[in-house]
Structure formats: structure tokens, C-alpha cells
């Protein structure tokens, strides 16, 4: 099992999405979204190679994978490194993922 290290922009993505769900359907809805994110992170921590590499070539980011959040239309975008998972973003699946990824590059 590899620990997940979140980029600040990924933390912000998850918090903003949880806030939106809480505003739309109540605090419990936001908490359920965050629980789904935690479940997704737990899964990829145990099985990092199960995520799709669909965006890796388009973005030119070696090792980039994503994992969908089941009942929520969100993707966890991450890279498996030797010692940990680098969680890059938590994005809505209907967004232009390559555009959002390119516009938010931050140093490691």
C-alpha cells in the first residue's frame, strides 16, 4: 500500500466539489462525496495500476492515471511514484480534463 500525497490543487478540487454537494443537498451529501474520494484513494493506494491511462498520452505526463468515483461523476488523477501516489487533481468527468490539467501545473 502506497501513501497518497495530495497536491494543494487536488485538495481544493475535492473541497469545492464537497461544498457544492453540501449546498445542493445538505451537509451529509458533501460528507458522502468526501467519503467516496477517501474510498477511491484507498483503492488506488492498494492497487495503483488499476487506474486508466487515457489522458497520459494526450497530456504528455508519463504514468498519469485516473480512477472514477463510482456514483459521482469525478475522477481522481494521480501518478504512481516509487514511494507514494502523487494525487494531482479531483476533476468532474465532464470537464475538459487536458485543459484543466494544463492550466494548473504546480511544482512537485
PDB file of N, CA and C in Angstrom:
ATOM      1  N   UNK A   1       0.849  -1.182   0.000  1.00  0.00           N
ATOM      2  CA  UNK A   1       0.000   0.000   0.000  1.00  0.00           C
ATOM      3  C   UNK A   1       0.891   1.240   0.000  1.00  0.00           C
ATOM      4  N   UNK A   2       0.594   2.151  -0.912  1.00  0.00           N
ATOM      5  CA  UNK A   2       1.369   3.378  -1.017  1.00  0.00           C
ATOM      6  C   UNK A   2       0.576   4.549  -0.456  1.00  0.00           C
ATOM      7  N   UNK A   3       1.221   5.416   0.304  1.00  0.00           N
ATOM      8  CA  UNK A   3       0.501   6.592   0.794  1.00  0.00           C
ATOM      9  C   UNK A   3       0.227   7.563  -0.349  1.00  0.00           C
ATOM     10  N   UNK A   4      -0.853   8.300  -0.212  1.00  0.00           N
ATOM     11  CA  UNK A   4      -1.224   9.315  -1.205  1.00  0.00           C
ATOM     12  C   UNK A   4      -0.798  10.681  -0.689  1.00  0.00           C
ATOM     13  N   UNK A   5      -0.079  11.403  -1.506  1.00  0.00           N
ATOM     14  CA  UNK A   5       0.292  12.777  -1.191  1.00  0.00           C
ATOM     15  C   UNK A   5      -0.446  13.675  -2.165  1.00  0.00           C
ATOM     16  N   UNK A   6      -1.255  14.548  -1.600  1.00  0.00           N
ATOM     17  CA  UNK A   6      -2.135  15.406  -2.390  1.00  0.00           C
ATOM     18  C   UNK A   6      -1.454  16.708  -2.756  1.00  0.00           C
ATOM     19  N   UNK A   7      -1.585  17.106  -4.001  1.00  0.00           N
ATOM     20  CA  UNK A   7      -1.224  18.469  -4.403  1.00  0.00           C
ATOM     21  C   UNK A   7      -2.283  19.408  -3.828  1.00  0.00           C
ATOM     22  N   UNK A   8      -1.917  20.624  -3.562  1.00  0.00           N
ATOM     23  CA  UNK A   8      -2.872  21.571  -2.972  1.00  0.00           C
ATOM     24  C   UNK A   8      -4.072  21.798  -3.883  1.00  0.00           C
ATOM     25  N   UNK A   9      -3.860  21.788  -5.185  1.00  0.00           N
ATOM     26  CA  UNK A   9      -4.969  21.992  -6.119  1.00  0.00           C
ATOM     27  C   UNK A   9      -5.947  20.814  -6.068  1.00  0.00           C
ATOM     28  N   UNK A  10      -5.470  19.600  -5.827  1.00  0.00           N
ATOM     29  CA  UNK A  10      -6.355  18.440  -5.691  1.00  0.00           C
ATOM     30  C   UNK A  10      -7.191  18.554  -4.422  1.00  0.00           C
ATOM     31  N   UNK A  11      -6.575  19.009  -3.350  1.00  0.00           N
ATOM     32  CA  UNK A  11      -7.321  19.228  -2.102  1.00  0.00           C
ATOM     33  C   UNK A  11      -8.418  20.263  -2.319  1.00  0.00           C
ATOM     34  N   UNK A  12      -8.075  21.318  -3.031  1.00  0.00           N
ATOM     35  CA  UNK A  12      -9.059  22.368  -3.323  1.00  0.00           C
ATOM     36  C   UNK A  12     -10.184  21.831  -4.203  1.00  0.00           C
ATOM     37  N   UNK A  13      -9.837  21.028  -5.209  1.00  0.00           N
ATOM     38  CA  UNK A  13     -10.856  20.414  -6.073  1.00  0.00           C
ATOM     39  C   UNK A  13     -11.872  19.636  -5.242  1.00  0.00           C
ATOM     40  N   UNK A  14     -11.377  18.768  -4.358  1.00  0.00           N
ATOM     41  CA  UNK A  14     -12.263  17.925  -3.554  1.00  0.00           C
ATOM     42  C   UNK A  14     -13.106  18.772  -2.604  1.00  0.00           C
ATOM     43  N   UNK A  15     -12.507  19.769  -1.990  1.00  0.00           N
ATOM     44  CA  UNK A  15     -13.242  20.634  -1.055  1.00  0.00           C
ATOM     45  C   UNK A  15     -14.336  21.419  -1.782  1.00  0.00           C
ATOM     46  N   UNK A  16     -14.022  21.950  -2.952  1.00  0.00           N
ATOM     47  CA  UNK A  16     -15.023  22.715  -3.712  1.00  0.00           C
ATOM     48  C   UNK A  16     -16.181  21.824  -4.164  1.00  0.00           C
ATOM     49  N   UNK A  17     -15.878  20.611  -4.594  1.00  0.00           N
ATOM     50  CA  UNK A  17     -16.942  19.694  -5.009  1.00  0.00           C
ATOM     51  C   UNK A  17     -17.808  19.308  -3.806  1.00  0.00           C
ATOM     52  N   UNK A  18     -17.187  19.035  -2.663  1.00  0.00           N
ATOM     53  CA  UNK A  18     -17.943  18.689  -1.455  1.00  0.00           C
ATOM     54  C   UNK A  18     -18.827  19.857  -1.036  1.00  0.00           C
ATOM     55  N   UNK A  19     -18.298  21.051  -1.132  1.00  0.00           N
ATOM     56  CA  UNK A  19     -19.083  22.251  -0.801  1.00  0.00           C
ATOM     57  C   UNK A  19     -20.293  22.368  -1.718  1.00  0.00           C
ATOM     58  N   UNK A  20     -20.091  22.133  -3.009  1.00  0.00           N
ATOM     59  CA  UNK A  20     -21.193  22.201  -3.960  1.00  0.00           C
ATOM     60  C   UNK A  20     -22.283  21.189  -3.587  1.00  0.00           C
ATOM     61  N   UNK A  21     -21.881  19.927  -3.328  1.00  0.00           N
ATOM     62  CA  UNK A  21     -22.868  18.921  -2.942  1.00  0.00           C
ATOM     63  C   UNK A  21     -23.585  19.316  -1.650  1.00  0.00           C
ATOM     64  N   UNK A  22     -22.853  19.862  -0.694  1.00  0.00           N
ATOM     65  CA  UNK A  22     -23.462  20.292   0.570  1.00  0.00           C
ATOM     66  C   UNK A  22     -24.463  21.420   0.344  1.00  0.00           C
ATOM     67  N   UNK A  23     -24.135  22.342  -0.552  1.00  0.00           N
ATOM     68  CA  UNK A  23     -25.044  23.448  -0.849  1.00  0.00           C
ATOM     69  C   UNK A  23     -26.297  22.968  -1.570  1.00  0.00           C
ATOM     70  N   UNK A  24     -26.139  21.967  -2.426  1.00  0.00           N
ATOM     71  CA  UNK A  24     -27.264  21.468  -3.219  1.00  0.00           C
ATOM     72  C   UNK A  24     -28.186  20.535  -2.427  1.00  0.00           C
ATOM     73  N   UNK A  25     -27.589  19.702  -1.554  1.00  0.00           N
ATOM     74  CA  UNK A  25     -28.382  18.638  -0.929  1.00  0.00           C
ATOM     75  C   UNK A  25     -28.139  18.471   0.569  1.00  0.00           C
ATOM     76  N   UNK A  26     -27.389  19.379   1.172  1.00  0.00           N
ATOM     77  CA  UNK A  26     -27.165  19.296   2.608  1.00  0.00           C
ATOM     78  C   UNK A  26     -25.777  18.780   2.961  1.00  0.00           C
ATOM     79  N   UNK A  27     -25.403  19.025   4.208  1.00  0.00           N
ATOM     80  CA  UNK A  27     -24.074  18.679   4.697  1.00  0.00           C
ATOM     81  C   UNK A  27     -23.744  17.198   4.499  1.00  0.00           C
ATOM     82  N   UNK A  28     -24.712  16.335   4.728  1.00  0.00           N
ATOM     83  CA  UNK A  28     -24.458  14.893   4.563  1.00  0.00           C
ATOM     84  C   UNK A  28     -24.060  14.547   3.130  1.00  0.00           C
ATOM     85  N   UNK A  29     -24.607  15.244   2.156  1.00  0.00           N
ATOM     86  CA  UNK A  29     -24.248  14.987   0.757  1.00  0.00           C
ATOM     87  C   UNK A  29     -22.786  15.336   0.510  1.00  0.00           C
ATOM     88  N   UNK A  30     -22.330  16.444   1.061  1.00  0.00           N
ATOM     89  CA  UNK A  30     -20.922  16.813   0.942  1.00  0.00           C
ATOM     90  C   UNK A  30     -20.021  15.810   1.633  1.00  0.00           C
ATOM     91  N   UNK A  31     -20.450  15.340   2.791  1.00  0.00           N
ATOM     92  CA  UNK A  31     -19.667  14.339   3.522  1.00  0.00           C
ATOM     93  C   UNK A  31     -19.618  13.013   2.769  1.00  0.00           C
ATOM     94  N   UNK A  32     -20.721  12.636   2.130  1.00  0.00           N
ATOM     95  CA  UNK A  32     -20.728  11.399   1.329  1.00  0.00           C
ATOM     96  C   UNK A  32     -19.765  11.508   0.149  1.00  0.00           C
ATOM     97  N   UNK A  33     -19.708  12.699  -0.458  1.00  0.00           N
ATOM     98  CA  UNK A  33     -18.764  12.882  -1.561  1.00  0.00           C
ATOM     99  C   UNK A  33     -17.326  12.694  -1.057  1.00  0.00           C
ATOM    100  N   UNK A  34     -17.000  13.327   0.062  1.00  0.00           N
ATOM    101  CA  UNK A  34     -15.639  13.194   0.605  1.00  0.00           C
ATOM    102  C   UNK A  34     -15.329  11.750   0.991  1.00  0.00           C
ATOM    103  N   UNK A  35     -16.332  11.026   1.486  1.00  0.00           N
ATOM    104  CA  UNK A  35     -16.127   9.605   1.804  1.00  0.00           C
ATOM    105  C   UNK A  35     -15.833   8.816   0.525  1.00  0.00           C
ATOM    106  N   UNK A  36     -16.504   9.159  -0.569  1.00  0.00           N
ATOM    107  CA  UNK A  36     -16.246   8.486  -1.851  1.00  0.00           C
ATOM    108  C   UNK A  36     -14.825   8.778  -2.334  1.00  0.00           C
ATOM    109  N   UNK A  37     -14.369  10.007  -2.141  1.00  0.00           N
ATOM    110  CA  UNK A  37     -12.990  10.355  -2.508  1.00  0.00           C
ATOM    111  C   UNK A  37     -12.020   9.524  -1.661  1.00  0.00           C
ATOM    112  N   UNK A  38     -12.264   9.449  -0.365  1.00  0.00           N
ATOM    113  CA  UNK A  38     -11.395   8.655   0.518  1.00  0.00           C
ATOM    114  C   UNK A  38     -11.383   7.186   0.105  1.00  0.00           C
ATOM    115  N   UNK A  39     -12.557   6.649  -0.253  1.00  0.00           N
ATOM    116  CA  UNK A  39     -12.619   5.260  -0.717  1.00  0.00           C
ATOM    117  C   UNK A  39     -11.819   5.069  -2.001  1.00  0.00           C
ATOM    118  N   UNK A  40     -11.927   6.040  -2.915  1.00  0.00           N
ATOM    119  CA  UNK A  40     -11.154   5.973  -4.157  1.00  0.00           C
ATOM    120  C   UNK A  40      -9.659   6.012  -3.903  1.00  0.00           C
ATOM    121  N   UNK A  41      -9.243   6.894  -3.008  1.00  0.00           N
ATOM    122  CA  UNK A  41      -7.814   6.983  -2.660  1.00  0.00           C
ATOM    123  C   UNK A  41      -7.350   5.671  -2.016  1.00  0.00           C
ATOM    124  N   UNK A  42      -8.165   5.107  -1.146  1.00  0.00           N
ATOM    125  CA  UNK A  42      -7.802   3.833  -0.518  1.00  0.00           C
ATOM    126  C   UNK A  42      -7.627   2.743  -1.571  1.00  0.00           C
ATOM    127  N   UNK A  43      -8.523   2.717  -2.559  1.00  0.00           N
ATOM    128  CA  UNK A  43      -8.421   1.707  -3.617  1.00  0.00           C
ATOM    129  C   UNK A  43      -7.131   1.867  -4.419  1.00  0.00           C
ATOM    130  N   UNK A  44      -6.868   3.089  -4.884  1.00  0.00           N
ATOM    131  CA  UNK A  44      -5.662   3.247  -5.710  1.00  0.00           C
ATOM    132  C   UNK A  44      -4.387   3.120  -4.884  1.00  0.00           C
ATOM    133  N   UNK A  45      -4.464   3.350  -3.589  1.00  0.00           N
ATOM    134  CA  UNK A  45      -3.291   3.125  -2.735  1.00  0.00           C
ATOM    135  C   UNK A  45      -2.947   1.634  -2.677  1.00  0.00           C
ATOM    136  N   UNK A  46      -3.978   0.810  -2.689  1.00  0.00           N
ATOM    137  CA  UNK A  46      -3.771  -0.645  -2.676  1.00  0.00           C
ATOM    138  C   UNK A  46      -3.471  -1.205  -4.068  1.00  0.00           C
ATOM    139  N   UNK A  47      -4.090  -0.596  -5.091  1.00  0.00           N
ATOM    140  CA  UNK A  47      -3.989  -1.122  -6.464  1.00  0.00           C
ATOM    141  C   UNK A  47      -3.726   0.024  -7.444  1.00  0.00           C
ATOM    142  N   UNK A  48      -2.576   0.653  -7.389  1.00  0.00           N
ATOM    143  CA  UNK A  48      -2.342   1.845  -8.210  1.00  0.00           C
ATOM    144  C   UNK A  48      -2.408   1.618  -9.716  1.00  0.00           C
ATOM    145  N   UNK A  49      -2.138   0.419 -10.173  1.00  0.00           N
ATOM    146  CA  UNK A  49      -2.123   0.162 -11.611  1.00  0.00           C
ATOM    147  C   UNK A  49      -3.518  -0.026 -12.194  1.00  0.00           C
ATOM    148  N   UNK A  50      -4.563   0.000 -11.378  1.00  0.00           N
ATOM    149  CA  UNK A  50      -5.909  -0.228 -11.895  1.00  0.00           C
ATOM    150  C   UNK A  50      -6.508   1.005 -12.566  1.00  0.00           C
ATOM    151  N   UNK A  51      -5.932   2.174 -12.346  1.00  0.00           N
ATOM    152  CA  UNK A  51      -6.462   3.380 -12.972  1.00  0.00           C
ATOM    153  C   UNK A  51      -6.188   3.411 -14.468  1.00  0.00           C
ATOM    154  N   UNK A  52      -7.042   4.106 -15.186  1.00  0.00           N
ATOM    155  CA  UNK A  52      -6.904   4.227 -16.633  1.00  0.00           C
ATOM    156  C   UNK A  52      -5.791   5.212 -17.001  1.00  0.00           C
ATOM    157  N   UNK A  53      -5.099   4.930 -18.098  1.00  0.00           N
ATOM    158  CA  UNK A  53      -4.030   5.807 -18.594  1.00  0.00           C
ATOM    159  C   UNK A  53      -4.518   6.696 -19.742  1.00  0.00           C
ATOM    160  N   UNK A  54      -5.817   6.816 -19.900  1.00  0.00           N
ATOM    161  CA  UNK A  54      -6.424   7.518 -21.038  1.00  0.00           C
ATOM    162  C   UNK A  54      -5.814   8.894 -21.312  1.00  0.00           C
ATOM    163  N   UNK A  55      -5.545   9.686 -20.299  1.00  0.00           N
ATOM    164  CA  UNK A  55      -5.068  11.054 -20.508  1.00  0.00           C
ATOM    165  C   UNK A  55      -3.539  11.181 -20.534  1.00  0.00           C
ATOM    166  N   UNK A  56      -2.819  10.125 -20.223  1.00  0.00           N
ATOM    167  CA  UNK A  56      -1.363  10.202 -20.135  1.00  0.00           C
ATOM    168  C   UNK A  56      -0.716  10.653 -21.441  1.00  0.00           C
ATOM    169  N   UNK A  57      -1.118  10.074 -22.551  1.00  0.00           N
ATOM    170  CA  UNK A  57      -0.521  10.413 -23.839  1.00  0.00           C
ATOM    171  C   UNK A  57      -0.941  11.812 -24.279  1.00  0.00           C
ATOM    172  N   UNK A  58      -2.225  12.109 -24.165  1.00  0.00           N
ATOM    173  CA  UNK A  58      -2.730  13.421 -24.593  1.00  0.00           C
ATOM    174  C   UNK A  58      -2.057  14.563 -23.842  1.00  0.00           C
ATOM    175  N   UNK A  59      -1.743  14.333 -22.573  1.00  0.00           N
ATOM    176  CA  UNK A  59      -1.129  15.376 -21.755  1.00  0.00           C
ATOM    177  C   UNK A  59       0.392  15.291 -21.713  1.00  0.00           C
ATOM    178  N   UNK A  60       0.935  14.178 -22.202  1.00  0.00           N
ATOM    179  CA  UNK A  60       2.378  14.011 -22.154  1.00  0.00           C
ATOM    180  C   UNK A  60       2.898  13.872 -20.733  1.00  0.00           C
ATOM    181  N   UNK A  61       2.107  13.244 -19.869  1.00  0.00           N
ATOM    182  CA  UNK A  61       2.506  13.055 -18.472  1.00  0.00           C
ATOM    183  C   UNK A  61       2.683  11.550 -18.250  1.00  0.00           C
ATOM    184  N   UNK A  62       3.938  11.121 -18.211  1.00  0.00           N
ATOM    185  CA  UNK A  62       4.228   9.702 -18.011  1.00  0.00           C
ATOM    186  C   UNK A  62       3.627   9.205 -16.705  1.00  0.00           C
ATOM    187  N   UNK A  63       2.947   8.078 -16.783  1.00  0.00           N
ATOM    188  CA  UNK A  63       2.406   7.444 -15.591  1.00  0.00           C
ATOM    189  C   UNK A  63       1.096   8.012 -15.082  1.00  0.00           C
ATOM    190  N   UNK A  64       0.550   9.011 -15.762  1.00  0.00           N
ATOM    191  CA  UNK A  64      -0.710   9.599 -15.318  1.00  0.00           C
ATOM    192  C   UNK A  64      -1.836   8.568 -15.446  1.00  0.00           C
ATOM    193  N   UNK A  65      -2.605   8.432 -14.392  1.00  0.00           N
ATOM    194  CA  UNK A  65      -3.764   7.546 -14.374  1.00  0.00           C
ATOM    195  C   UNK A  65      -4.931   8.274 -13.734  1.00  0.00           C
ATOM    196  N   UNK A  66      -6.134   7.732 -13.952  1.00  0.00           N
ATOM    197  CA  UNK A  66      -7.271   8.267 -13.218  1.00  0.00           C
ATOM    198  C   UNK A  66      -8.150   7.130 -12.731  1.00  0.00           C
ATOM    199  N   UNK A  67      -8.876   7.422 -11.655  1.00  0.00           N
ATOM    200  CA  UNK A  67      -9.820   6.467 -11.091  1.00  0.00           C
ATOM    201  C   UNK A  67     -11.149   7.180 -10.914  1.00  0.00           C
ATOM    202  N   UNK A  68     -12.248   6.619 -11.454  1.00  0.00           N
ATOM    203  CA  UNK A  68     -13.565   7.251 -11.305  1.00  0.00           C
ATOM    204  C   UNK A  68     -14.147   6.996  -9.912  1.00  0.00           C
ATOM    205  N   UNK A  69     -14.971   7.929  -9.455  1.00  0.00           N
ATOM    206  CA  UNK A  69     -15.548   7.838  -8.118  1.00  0.00           C
ATOM    207  C   UNK A  69     -16.912   7.156  -8.074  1.00  0.00           C
ATOM    208  N   UNK A  70     -17.136   6.171  -8.881  1.00  0.00           N
ATOM    209  CA  UNK A  70     -18.361   5.383  -8.804  1.00  0.00           C
ATOM    210  C   UNK A  70     -19.611   6.209  -9.028  1.00  0.00           C
ATOM    211  N   UNK A  71     -20.371   6.464  -7.980  1.00  0.00           N
ATOM    212  CA  UNK A  71     -21.651   7.155  -8.129  1.00  0.00           C
ATOM    213  C   UNK A  71     -21.513   8.642  -8.409  1.00  0.00           C
ATOM    214  N   UNK A  72     -20.335   9.190  -8.260  1.00  0.00           N
ATOM    215  CA  UNK A  72     -20.098  10.612  -8.530  1.00  0.00           C
ATOM    216  C   UNK A  72     -19.351  10.766  -9.857  1.00  0.00           C
ATOM    217  N   UNK A  73     -19.673  11.805 -10.621  1.00  0.00           N
ATOM    218  CA  UNK A  73     -19.013  11.989 -11.927  1.00  0.00           C
ATOM    219  C   UNK A  73     -17.657  12.694 -11.796  1.00  0.00           C
ATOM    220  N   UNK A  74     -16.804  12.177 -10.923  1.00  0.00           N
ATOM    221  CA  UNK A  74     -15.492  12.771 -10.678  1.00  0.00           C
ATOM    222  C   UNK A  74     -14.399  11.749 -10.899  1.00  0.00           C
ATOM    223  N   UNK A  75     -13.222  12.252 -11.227  1.00  0.00           N
ATOM    224  CA  UNK A  75     -12.044  11.425 -11.468  1.00  0.00           C
ATOM    225  C   UNK A  75     -10.930  11.862 -10.529  1.00  0.00           C
ATOM    226  N   UNK A  76     -10.227  10.903  -9.955  1.00  0.00           N
ATOM    227  CA  UNK A  76      -9.001  11.185  -9.203  1.00  0.00           C
ATOM    228  C   UNK A  76      -7.858  10.972 -10.182  1.00  0.00           C
ATOM    229  N   UNK A  77      -7.095  12.017 -10.449  1.00  0.00           N
ATOM    230  CA  UNK A  77      -5.953  11.916 -11.360  1.00  0.00           C
ATOM    231  C   UNK A  77      -4.673  11.839 -10.537  1.00  0.00           C
ATOM    232  N   UNK A  78      -3.853  10.850 -10.826  1.00  0.00           N
ATOM    233  CA  UNK A  78      -2.683  10.592  -9.981  1.00  0.00           C
ATOM    234  C   UNK A  78      -1.554   9.961 -10.792  1.00  0.00           C
ATOM    235  N   UNK A  79      -0.378   9.967 -10.179  1.00  0.00           N
ATOM    236  CA  UNK A  79       0.792   9.296 -10.736  1.00  0.00           C
ATOM    237  C   UNK A  79       1.359   8.409  -9.640  1.00  0.00           C
ATOM    238  N   UNK A  80       1.657   7.173  -9.996  1.00  0.00           N
ATOM    239  CA  UNK A  80       2.310   6.278  -9.045  1.00  0.00           C
ATOM    240  C   UNK A  80       3.811   6.517  -9.104  1.00  0.00           C
ATOM    241  N   UNK A  81       4.379   6.879  -7.983  1.00  0.00           N
ATOM    242  CA  UNK A  81       5.827   7.035  -7.865  1.00  0.00           C
ATOM    243  C   UNK A  81       6.364   5.870  -7.035  1.00  0.00           C
ATOM    244  N   UNK A  82       7.656   5.781  -6.893  1.00  0.00           N
ATOM    245  CA  UNK A  82       8.246   4.649  -6.182  1.00  0.00           C
ATOM    246  C   UNK A  82       7.755   4.542  -4.739  1.00  0.00           C
ATOM    247  N   UNK A  83       7.631   5.672  -4.061  1.00  0.00           N
ATOM    248  CA  UNK A  83       7.308   5.646  -2.638  1.00  0.00           C
ATOM    249  C   UNK A  83       5.877   6.055  -2.295  1.00  0.00           C
ATOM    250  N   UNK A  84       5.155   6.659  -3.246  1.00  0.00           N
ATOM    251  CA  UNK A  84       3.824   7.172  -2.931  1.00  0.00           C
ATOM    252  C   UNK A  84       3.029   7.443  -4.204  1.00  0.00           C
ATOM    253  N   UNK A  85       1.774   7.818  -4.017  1.00  0.00           N
ATOM    254  CA  UNK A  85       0.941   8.286  -5.118  1.00  0.00           C
ATOM    255  C   UNK A  85       0.899   9.801  -5.058  1.00  0.00           C
ATOM    256  N   UNK A  86       1.100  10.437  -6.178  1.00  0.00           N
ATOM    257  CA  UNK A  86       1.021  11.892  -6.296  1.00  0.00           C
ATOM    258  C   UNK A  86      -0.375  12.209  -6.836  1.00  0.00           C
ATOM    259  N   UNK A  87      -1.257  12.684  -5.958  1.00  0.00           N
ATOM    260  CA  UNK A  87      -2.633  12.997  -6.356  1.00  0.00           C
ATOM    261  C   UNK A  87      -2.644  14.406  -6.937  1.00  0.00           C
ATOM    262  N   UNK A  88      -2.864  14.483  -8.248  1.00  0.00           N
ATOM    263  CA  UNK A  88      -2.757  15.747  -8.962  1.00  0.00           C
ATOM    264  C   UNK A  88      -4.039  16.565  -8.941  1.00  0.00           C
ATOM    265  N   UNK A  89      -5.183  15.922  -9.224  1.00  0.00           N
ATOM    266  CA  UNK A  89      -6.462  16.638  -9.321  1.00  0.00           C
ATOM    267  C   UNK A  89      -7.597  15.701  -8.943  1.00  0.00           C
ATOM    268  N   UNK A  90      -8.737  16.288  -8.618  1.00  0.00           N
ATOM    269  CA  UNK A  90     -10.017  15.596  -8.478  1.00  0.00           C
ATOM    270  C   UNK A  90     -10.975  16.420  -9.325  1.00  0.00           C
ATOM    271  N   UNK A  91     -11.250  15.935 -10.543  1.00  0.00           N
ATOM    272  CA  UNK A  91     -11.992  16.731 -11.517  1.00  0.00           C
ATOM    273  C   UNK A  91     -13.299  16.068 -11.933  1.00  0.00           C
ATOM    274  N   UNK A  92     -14.266  16.908 -12.245  1.00  0.00           N
ATOM    275  CA  UNK A  92     -15.539  16.432 -12.798  1.00  0.00           C
ATOM    276  C   UNK A  92     -15.250  15.803 -14.160  1.00  0.00           C
ATOM    277  N   UNK A  93     -15.826  14.657 -14.416  1.00  0.00           N
ATOM    278  CA  UNK A  93     -15.557  13.915 -15.651  1.00  0.00           C
ATOM    279  C   UNK A  93     -16.022  14.641 -16.902  1.00  0.00           C
ATOM    280  N   UNK A  94     -16.949  15.588 -16.776  1.00  0.00           N
ATOM    281  CA  UNK A  94     -17.451  16.317 -17.936  1.00  0.00           C
ATOM    282  C   UNK A  94     -16.592  17.539 -18.283  1.00  0.00           C
ATOM    283  N   UNK A  95     -15.602  17.834 -17.474  1.00  0.00           N
ATOM    284  CA  UNK A  95     -14.706  18.952 -17.789  1.00  0.00           C
ATOM    285  C   UNK A  95     -13.732  18.530 -18.878  1.00  0.00           C
ATOM    286  N   UNK A  96     -13.108  19.524 -19.481  1.00  0.00           N
ATOM    287  CA  UNK A  96     -12.050  19.267 -20.452  1.00  0.00           C
ATOM    288  C   UNK A  96     -10.794  18.954 -19.640  1.00  0.00           C
ATOM    289  N   UNK A  97     -10.607  17.677 -19.327  1.00  0.00           N
ATOM    290  CA  UNK A  97      -9.535  17.272 -18.420  1.00  0.00           C
ATOM    291  C   UNK A  97      -8.167  17.744 -18.901  1.00  0.00           C
ATOM    292  N   UNK A  98      -7.807  17.569 -20.180  1.00  0.00           N
ATOM    293  CA  UNK A  98      -6.494  18.072 -20.606  1.00  0.00           C
ATOM    294  C   UNK A  98      -6.330  19.575 -20.373  1.00  0.00           C
ATOM    295  N   UNK A  99      -7.368  20.355 -20.624  1.00  0.00           N
ATOM    296  CA  UNK A  99      -7.290  21.797 -20.409  1.00  0.00           C
ATOM    297  C   UNK A  99      -7.103  22.114 -18.923  1.00  0.00           C
ATOM    298  N   UNK A 100      -7.896  21.481 -18.064  1.00  0.00           N
ATOM    299  CA  UNK A 100      -7.799  21.734 -16.621  1.00  0.00           C
ATOM    300  C   UNK A 100      -6.448  21.280 -16.079  1.00  0.00           C
ATOM    301  N   UNK A 101      -5.924  20.203 -16.571  1.00  0.00           N
ATOM    302  CA  UNK A 101      -4.623  19.710 -16.090  1.00  0.00           C
ATOM    303  C   UNK A 101      -3.507  20.656 -16.535  1.00  0.00           C
ATOM    304  N   UNK A 102      -3.563  21.126 -17.766  1.00  0.00           N
ATOM    305  CA  UNK A 102      -2.518  22.011 -18.274  1.00  0.00           C
ATOM    306  C   UNK A 102      -2.525  23.378 -17.619  1.00  0.00           C
ATOM    307  N   UNK A 103      -3.683  23.840 -17.193  1.00  0.00           N
ATOM    308  CA  UNK A 103      -3.796  25.174 -16.623  1.00  0.00           C
ATOM    309  C   UNK A 103      -3.429  25.230 -15.156  1.00  0.00           C
ATOM    310  N   UNK A 104      -3.171  24.108 -14.541  1.00  0.00           N
ATOM    311  CA  UNK A 104      -2.938  24.122 -13.090  1.00  0.00           C
ATOM    312  C   UNK A 104      -1.653  23.436 -12.699  1.00  0.00           C
ATOM    313  N   UNK A 105      -0.670  23.465 -13.546  1.00  0.00           N
ATOM    314  CA  UNK A 105       0.594  22.818 -13.200  1.00  0.00           C
ATOM    315  C   UNK A 105       1.196  23.530 -12.006  1.00  0.00           C
ATOM    316  N   UNK A 106       1.713  22.738 -11.083  1.00  0.00           N
ATOM    317  CA  UNK A 106       2.366  23.276  -9.903  1.00  0.00           C
ATOM    318  C   UNK A 106       3.596  22.440  -9.639  1.00  0.00           C
ATOM    319  N   UNK A 107       4.606  22.986  -9.044  1.00  0.00           N
ATOM    320  CA  UNK A 107       5.832  22.221  -8.828  1.00  0.00           C
ATOM    321  C   UNK A 107       5.617  21.060  -7.871  1.00  0.00           C
ATOM    322  N   UNK A 108       6.411  20.032  -8.036  1.00  0.00           N
ATOM    323  CA  UNK A 108       6.332  18.860  -7.142  1.00  0.00           C
ATOM    324  C   UNK A 108       6.924  19.195  -5.797  1.00  0.00           C
TER     325      UNK A 108
END
